[in-house]
N, C-alpha and C. Protein backbone atom coordinates (compact mmCIF):
# COMPACT_ATOMS: atom_id res chain seq x y z
N MET A 1 28.47 22.69 -4.91
CA MET A 1 28.21 20.97 -4.99
C MET A 1 28.70 20.05 -5.40
N THR A 2 29.31 19.14 -4.88
CA THR A 2 29.82 18.27 -5.44
C THR A 2 29.25 17.11 -6.50
N ASP A 3 28.80 16.58 -7.29
CA ASP A 3 28.69 15.71 -8.18
C ASP A 3 27.70 14.43 -6.98
N HIS A 4 28.72 13.90 -6.16
CA HIS A 4 28.16 12.51 -5.92
C HIS A 4 26.36 13.37 -4.93
N ARG A 5 26.65 15.17 -4.78
CA ARG A 5 25.69 14.97 -4.07
C ARG A 5 24.96 15.93 -4.41
N ALA A 6 24.78 16.35 -5.83
CA ALA A 6 23.39 16.97 -6.78
C ALA A 6 22.50 15.33 -6.47
N ALA A 7 23.27 14.85 -7.63
CA ALA A 7 23.26 13.89 -8.27
C ALA A 7 22.41 13.06 -6.89
N GLU A 8 21.37 12.99 -5.78
CA GLU A 8 21.17 12.34 -5.25
C GLU A 8 20.04 13.72 -5.00
N LEU A 9 20.02 14.81 -5.28
CA LEU A 9 18.99 15.77 -4.29
C LEU A 9 18.02 15.09 -5.21
N GLY A 10 17.77 14.98 -6.13
CA GLY A 10 16.23 14.48 -7.16
C GLY A 10 15.37 12.55 -6.99
N ARG A 11 16.57 12.21 -6.00
CA ARG A 11 16.43 10.15 -6.24
C ARG A 11 15.10 10.62 -4.70
N HIS A 12 14.33 9.83 -4.54
CA HIS A 12 13.42 9.78 -3.36
C HIS A 12 14.37 8.58 -2.69
N PRO A 13 14.16 8.73 -1.09
CA PRO A 13 14.74 7.99 0.24
C PRO A 13 14.98 7.44 -0.68
N ARG A 14 16.00 6.23 0.23
CA ARG A 14 15.89 4.75 0.19
C ARG A 14 14.79 4.64 0.91
N GLY A 15 13.91 3.25 0.80
CA GLY A 15 12.52 2.51 1.52
C GLY A 15 11.58 3.04 0.89
N THR A 16 11.25 4.01 0.40
CA THR A 16 10.06 5.00 0.16
C THR A 16 9.20 3.84 -0.84
N LEU A 17 10.15 3.44 -1.15
CA LEU A 17 8.83 2.35 -2.42
C LEU A 17 8.11 1.39 -1.53
N ALA A 18 9.53 0.56 -1.00
CA ALA A 18 8.75 -0.60 -0.50
C ALA A 18 7.68 -0.69 1.51
N ILE A 19 8.54 0.84 1.55
CA ILE A 19 6.86 1.69 3.25
C ILE A 19 5.39 1.31 1.96
N VAL A 20 5.20 2.45 0.60
CA VAL A 20 4.68 2.37 0.10
C VAL A 20 3.73 1.10 -0.32
N LEU A 21 5.00 -0.48 -0.59
CA LEU A 21 4.12 -0.93 -1.52
C LEU A 21 3.55 -2.00 0.03
N ALA A 22 4.28 -1.93 1.16
CA ALA A 22 3.77 -2.78 1.94
C ALA A 22 2.48 -2.03 2.61
N TYR A 23 2.23 -0.85 2.95
CA TYR A 23 1.23 0.04 3.10
C TYR A 23 -0.22 -0.59 1.87
N GLY A 24 -0.06 -1.03 0.66
CA GLY A 24 -0.70 -0.72 -0.28
C GLY A 24 -1.58 -2.34 0.03
N LEU A 25 0.02 -2.92 0.39
CA LEU A 25 -0.19 -4.47 1.45
C LEU A 25 -1.30 -5.17 2.24
N VAL A 26 -0.86 -4.32 2.82
CA VAL A 26 -1.38 -3.99 4.17
C VAL A 26 -3.26 -3.74 4.42
N PHE A 27 -3.38 -2.49 3.29
CA PHE A 27 -4.40 -2.19 2.55
C PHE A 27 -5.10 -3.10 2.34
N ALA A 28 -4.72 -3.57 1.81
CA ALA A 28 -5.85 -4.56 0.34
C ALA A 28 -6.23 -6.24 0.67
N LEU A 29 -4.99 -6.90 2.44
CA LEU A 29 -5.09 -7.51 2.55
C LEU A 29 -6.26 -7.45 3.48
N GLY A 30 -6.26 -6.35 4.50
CA GLY A 30 -7.99 -6.35 5.20
C GLY A 30 -8.95 -5.95 4.50
N TRP A 31 -9.07 -5.73 3.29
CA TRP A 31 -10.15 -4.99 2.89
C TRP A 31 -10.82 -6.38 2.67
N LEU A 32 -9.73 -7.53 1.83
CA LEU A 32 -10.21 -9.14 1.53
C LEU A 32 -10.48 -9.33 3.17
N VAL A 33 -10.01 -9.04 3.93
CA VAL A 33 -10.30 -10.27 4.81
C VAL A 33 -11.61 -10.15 5.66
N LEU A 34 -11.76 -7.78 5.33
CA LEU A 34 -13.53 -7.48 5.53
C LEU A 34 -14.51 -8.34 4.92
N TYR A 35 -13.71 -8.54 3.95
CA TYR A 35 -14.64 -8.70 2.25
C TYR A 35 -15.52 -10.00 2.56
N PHE A 36 -14.22 -11.44 2.84
CA PHE A 36 -15.06 -12.15 3.06
C PHE A 36 -14.85 -13.19 4.22
N LEU A 37 -14.36 -12.11 5.29
CA LEU A 37 -15.37 -12.77 6.46
C LEU A 37 -16.50 -11.61 6.74
N VAL A 38 -17.31 -11.47 6.42
CA VAL A 38 -18.14 -10.26 7.49
C VAL A 38 -19.17 -10.21 5.84
N TYR A 39 -17.96 -9.53 5.29
CA TYR A 39 -20.18 -9.17 4.23
C TYR A 39 -20.20 -10.53 3.29
N SER A 40 -19.80 -11.40 2.17
CA SER A 40 -20.12 -12.41 1.49
C SER A 40 -20.72 -13.05 2.82
N PRO A 41 -20.15 -14.18 4.09
CA PRO A 41 -21.05 -15.11 4.61
C PRO A 41 -22.34 -14.38 4.13
N ARG A 42 -22.81 -12.82 3.96
CA ARG A 42 -24.03 -12.57 4.73
C ARG A 42 -24.60 -12.16 3.12
N GLY A 43 -24.48 -12.45 2.60
CA GLY A 43 -24.69 -12.94 1.15
C GLY A 43 -24.90 -11.46 0.67
N ALA A 44 -26.07 -11.50 -0.36
CA ALA A 44 -26.51 -9.91 -0.99
C ALA A 44 -27.03 -9.05 -0.70
N ILE A 45 -27.17 -7.65 -0.75
CA ILE A 45 -28.34 -7.57 0.13
C ILE A 45 -30.22 -7.99 -0.75
N HIS A 46 -30.58 -7.42 -0.30
CA HIS A 46 -32.24 -8.23 -0.72
C HIS A 46 -32.89 -7.48 -0.42
N PRO A 47 -34.55 -6.12 -1.07
CA PRO A 47 -34.74 -4.74 -0.76
C PRO A 47 -36.23 -5.99 -0.26
């Protein structure tokens, strides 16, 4: 095996971090939208 291929074996595919960050950003934005548009206007829970 050449040195070039051996160096690439332990590396993540290009774009993996970008996909993970994009998924996290979409999740966080979705959570904030639900919180501010649904739960926040309802107010606190009263027993």
